[in-house]
Amino acid sequence: MHISEEVYEARYGWSRRAVTTVVYGLLFTVALALIDPGAPASLGGVPLPFPMLVVQLVGLPLFGLGGLLTAYNASTRKVTLRVDAAGVLLGGHPLRYAATTAFVPWSEISGVELWIHRSKAGVRTVTVPYVGIHRLPGSPRLPRHSLVPRRRAAADTDASATTEPSVALTAMAAELRSASRTVNGGPLDTERLLAAVRRHAPWVTIVVDPEFAAKR
C-alpha cells in the first residue's frame, strides 16, 4: 500500500530490539529446557536452596512466551503510529488492538514530545523511548495501552488520568503519560515524524529528548 509523503506511518515490525528479544528468548528457552531439572541451582557459584526445576518453571514461560509475543507483535504489521492531516493515531496493544488504539485530532493537541524513560538494571541504564502528545484540558480520556481494560467506573473525560507508563516509573506529567506510546514495536524515523507534525500542525510545540535516536 502506497503511503503519501505527507503522511507519517510506522508499523509493528522486525526492529533490532524485536529481533534481539526473540533470539535471546529462544536461546534461553532452549538452554533451560536442556538442563537437568533435578540438578542443584546456583547463582554465581553460590548454591541456592532449590533445584533447577524451580528456575525452569519460572524461566521457560518468561523467555518462551516473551519471545513468542514479540514475534507475534512484529508479524502483525499493525500501525503503531500515524500522523496525517486529521491528527495522530496512537496504535494499540497487538492483543487488544481495536480497544487500545487512540486517535487524537489536531484540535485537541498542544504539543508533541519524544521522551525517554530511564531505569537502572544493576550498573546498566535501560532506556525506553516514547512518543507522547500534550492535549488540551478537558480532552476525552484515551483508552489504556494495556492488556487490562480500564475500569468502567472511571470518568469519561480526564486528560491527566494516569495510564501506562505509571507514575512510579517516570516523572513525566500525567497528561503526557496518558497519551504516550513506546516505539520499540517497530522502526521509527524521527526526522520524518517531526516533519509530518510540522507540516500538518505548525502551531504545536515540539520537544525532543537530546538522546532520542534519529532512527530506531
Protein backbone atom coordinates (compact mmCIF):
# COMPACT_ATOMS: atom_id res chain seq x y z
CA MET A 1 0.00 0.00 0.00
CA HIS A 2 1.36 3.41 -1.01
CA ILE A 3 1.72 5.98 1.78
CA SER A 4 1.73 9.66 0.80
CA GLU A 5 4.83 11.67 1.68
CA GLU A 6 2.54 13.96 3.65
CA VAL A 7 1.64 11.08 5.98
CA TYR A 8 3.99 9.50 8.51
CA GLU A 9 3.17 5.92 9.39
CA ALA A 10 5.04 3.34 11.46
CA ARG A 11 4.03 -0.27 11.96
CA TYR A 12 4.92 -3.16 14.22
CA GLY A 13 7.82 -5.00 12.59
CA TRP A 14 11.18 -6.65 12.99
CA SER A 15 13.10 -3.83 14.62
CA ARG A 16 16.55 -4.51 16.06
CA ARG A 17 15.09 -4.73 19.55
CA ALA A 18 12.39 -7.18 18.42
CA VAL A 19 14.95 -9.44 16.72
CA THR A 20 17.21 -9.33 19.78
CA THR A 21 14.33 -10.18 22.12
CA VAL A 22 13.22 -13.16 20.02
CA VAL A 23 16.76 -14.53 19.60
CA TYR A 24 17.63 -14.23 23.29
CA GLY A 25 14.26 -15.65 24.26
CA LEU A 26 14.85 -18.68 22.03
CA LEU A 27 18.41 -19.22 23.30
CA PHE A 28 17.42 -19.01 26.98
CA THR A 29 14.40 -21.25 26.42
CA VAL A 30 16.49 -23.95 24.75
CA ALA A 31 19.23 -23.68 27.39
CA LEU A 32 16.74 -24.04 30.25
CA ALA A 33 14.98 -26.96 28.55
CA LEU A 34 18.25 -28.89 28.27
CA ILE A 35 19.17 -28.53 31.95
CA ASP A 36 18.58 -31.46 34.30
CA PRO A 37 15.60 -30.34 36.44
CA GLY A 38 16.97 -32.29 39.41
CA ALA A 39 20.34 -30.53 39.38
CA PRO A 40 21.03 -28.07 42.23
CA ALA A 41 20.59 -24.42 41.30
CA SER A 42 23.33 -21.86 41.87
CA LEU A 43 23.94 -18.18 41.23
CA GLY A 44 27.49 -17.02 40.58
CA GLY A 45 28.81 -20.23 42.12
CA VAL A 46 26.71 -19.80 45.26
CA PRO A 47 24.32 -22.76 45.84
CA LEU A 48 20.62 -21.94 46.04
CA PRO A 49 18.13 -23.83 48.26
CA PHE A 50 16.09 -25.27 45.38
CA PRO A 51 16.64 -27.42 42.27
CA MET A 52 16.85 -26.21 38.68
CA LEU A 53 13.24 -27.29 38.21
CA VAL A 54 12.18 -24.10 40.01
CA VAL A 55 14.31 -21.99 37.66
CA GLN A 56 12.80 -23.79 34.69
CA LEU A 57 9.23 -23.25 35.89
CA VAL A 58 9.90 -19.53 36.09
CA GLY A 59 12.28 -19.05 33.16
CA LEU A 60 10.60 -21.14 30.46
CA PRO A 61 7.31 -19.17 30.47
CA LEU A 62 9.16 -15.88 30.89
CA PHE A 63 11.58 -16.27 27.98
CA GLY A 64 9.46 -18.56 25.83
CA LEU A 65 6.22 -16.59 25.97
CA GLY A 66 8.10 -13.28 25.84
CA GLY A 67 9.80 -14.31 22.61
CA LEU A 68 6.57 -15.62 21.10
CA LEU A 69 4.66 -12.45 21.98
CA THR A 70 7.38 -10.27 20.47
CA ALA A 71 7.38 -12.37 17.29
CA TYR A 72 3.60 -12.14 17.07
CA ASN A 73 3.68 -8.36 17.55
CA ALA A 74 6.24 -7.96 14.79
CA SER A 75 4.35 -10.17 12.37
CA THR A 76 1.01 -8.35 12.73
CA ARG A 77 2.32 -5.26 10.88
CA LYS A 78 -0.36 -3.18 12.58
CA VAL A 79 0.04 0.59 12.72
CA THR A 80 1.88 1.80 15.82
CA LEU A 81 1.85 5.50 14.94
CA ARG A 82 0.29 7.60 12.19
CA VAL A 83 0.45 11.35 11.64
CA ASP A 84 -1.70 12.90 8.92
CA ALA A 85 -3.85 15.95 8.20
CA ALA A 86 -6.56 14.78 10.60
CA GLY A 87 -4.40 14.15 13.66
CA VAL A 88 -2.33 11.48 15.37
CA LEU A 89 -3.20 7.80 15.69
CA LEU A 90 -1.59 6.01 18.63
CA GLY A 91 -1.58 2.29 17.85
CA GLY A 92 -2.84 -0.11 20.48
CA HIS A 93 -1.52 -3.30 22.05
CA PRO A 94 -1.45 -6.05 19.37
CA LEU A 95 -3.53 -8.44 21.51
CA ARG A 96 -6.24 -5.80 22.11
CA TYR A 97 -5.55 -3.54 19.16
CA ALA A 98 -9.00 -2.13 18.44
CA ALA A 99 -9.78 -1.49 22.12
CA THR A 100 -6.46 0.21 22.90
CA THR A 101 -5.88 2.26 19.75
CA ALA A 102 -6.47 6.00 20.15
CA PHE A 103 -6.95 8.76 17.59
CA VAL A 104 -6.28 12.36 18.69
CA PRO A 105 -7.35 15.19 16.33
CA TRP A 106 -5.11 18.24 15.96
CA SER A 107 -7.82 20.36 17.60
CA GLU A 108 -7.01 18.61 20.90
CA ILE A 109 -3.21 18.69 20.60
CA SER A 110 -0.98 21.42 22.01
CA GLY A 111 2.36 19.65 21.72
CA VAL A 112 4.30 16.55 20.72
CA GLU A 113 7.12 15.23 22.88
CA LEU A 114 9.66 12.49 22.17
CA TRP A 115 10.87 11.40 25.57
CA ILE A 116 12.85 8.59 27.18
CA HIS A 117 12.15 6.63 30.32
CA ARG A 118 15.38 5.61 32.07
CA SER A 119 15.74 2.93 34.74
CA LYS A 120 18.64 1.16 36.41
CA ALA A 121 19.29 -2.56 35.91
CA GLY A 122 22.33 -3.18 38.06
CA VAL A 123 25.10 -0.99 36.65
CA ARG A 124 23.31 -0.61 33.32
CA THR A 125 20.78 2.07 32.39
CA VAL A 126 17.79 0.76 30.45
CA THR A 127 16.10 3.27 28.14
CA VAL A 128 12.61 3.04 26.65
CA PRO A 129 11.66 5.71 24.07
CA TYR A 130 8.13 7.15 23.94
CA VAL A 131 6.18 9.32 21.54
CA GLY A 132 3.83 11.46 23.60
CA ILE A 133 1.13 14.04 22.96
CA HIS A 134 0.25 17.03 25.11
CA ARG A 135 -3.52 17.52 24.93
CA LEU A 136 -5.73 20.42 25.85
CA PRO A 137 -7.50 20.33 29.25
CA GLY A 138 -10.85 18.55 29.15
CA SER A 139 -9.92 16.29 26.23
CA PRO A 140 -11.62 12.88 26.22
CA ARG A 141 -9.92 10.10 28.12
CA LEU A 142 -7.81 7.85 25.91
CA PRO A 143 -8.00 4.05 26.02
CA ARG A 144 -5.39 2.38 28.15
CA HIS A 145 -2.47 0.86 26.23
CA SER A 146 -2.58 -2.38 28.17
CA LEU A 147 -4.00 -5.90 28.21
CA VAL A 148 -6.01 -4.86 31.28
CA PRO A 149 -9.14 -2.81 30.41
CA ARG A 150 -9.83 0.41 32.28
CA ARG A 151 -12.49 0.25 34.96
CA ARG A 152 -15.91 1.25 33.69
CA ALA A 153 -16.38 3.49 36.71
CA ALA A 154 -13.61 5.80 35.51
CA ALA A 155 -14.63 9.25 34.28
CA ASP A 156 -15.07 9.72 30.54
CA THR A 157 -13.03 12.93 30.40
CA ASP A 158 -9.77 13.41 32.21
CA ALA A 159 -6.69 14.26 30.19
CA SER A 160 -4.47 13.90 33.28
CA ALA A 161 -5.53 10.35 34.10
CA THR A 162 -2.60 8.08 34.83
CA THR A 163 -2.12 5.22 32.38
CA GLU A 164 0.98 3.34 31.41
CA PRO A 165 3.79 4.07 32.00
CA SER A 166 2.87 4.55 35.66
CA VAL A 167 3.90 7.47 37.84
CA ALA A 168 6.14 5.08 39.76
CA LEU A 169 8.25 4.58 36.64
CA THR A 170 8.61 8.12 35.31
CA ALA A 171 8.48 11.71 36.48
CA MET A 172 6.75 12.86 33.29
CA ALA A 173 3.43 14.73 33.61
CA ALA A 174 0.34 12.54 33.96
CA GLU A 175 -1.36 14.10 30.94
CA LEU A 176 1.66 13.20 28.79
CA ARG A 177 1.90 9.65 30.13
CA SER A 178 -1.76 9.05 29.31
CA ALA A 179 -1.10 9.90 25.65
CA SER A 180 2.25 8.19 25.16
CA ARG A 181 3.22 5.04 23.32
CA THR A 182 6.51 3.16 23.28
CA VAL A 183 8.27 3.00 19.94
CA ASN A 184 10.02 -0.34 20.41
CA GLY A 185 7.39 -2.23 18.43
CA GLY A 186 8.74 -1.19 15.05
CA PRO A 187 11.08 1.14 13.16
CA LEU A 188 10.82 4.88 13.84
CA ASP A 189 12.18 7.70 11.67
CA THR A 190 12.30 10.72 13.96
CA GLU A 191 13.06 13.25 11.20
CA ARG A 192 10.13 12.16 9.04
CA LEU A 193 7.81 12.02 12.05
CA LEU A 194 8.61 15.58 13.11
CA ALA A 195 8.40 16.82 9.52
CA ALA A 196 4.86 15.44 9.31
CA VAL A 197 3.92 17.12 12.59
CA ARG A 198 5.26 20.49 11.40
CA ARG A 199 3.53 20.11 8.05
CA HIS A 200 0.08 19.40 9.46
CA ALA A 201 0.21 21.34 12.74
CA PRO A 202 2.89 24.06 12.67
CA TRP A 203 1.41 25.67 15.79
CA VAL A 204 2.11 22.77 18.18
CA THR A 205 5.13 22.76 20.49
CA ILE A 206 7.71 20.05 19.78
CA VAL A 207 10.06 18.76 22.49
CA VAL A 208 12.70 16.10 21.81
CA ASP A 209 14.97 14.44 24.38
CA PRO A 210 18.60 15.10 23.32
CA GLU A 211 19.31 11.35 23.45
CA PHE A 212 16.28 10.37 21.36
CA ALA A 213 17.69 8.47 18.38
CA ALA A 214 17.16 9.78 14.85
CA LYS A 215 16.15 6.29 13.72
CA ARG A 216 15.18 3.13 15.57
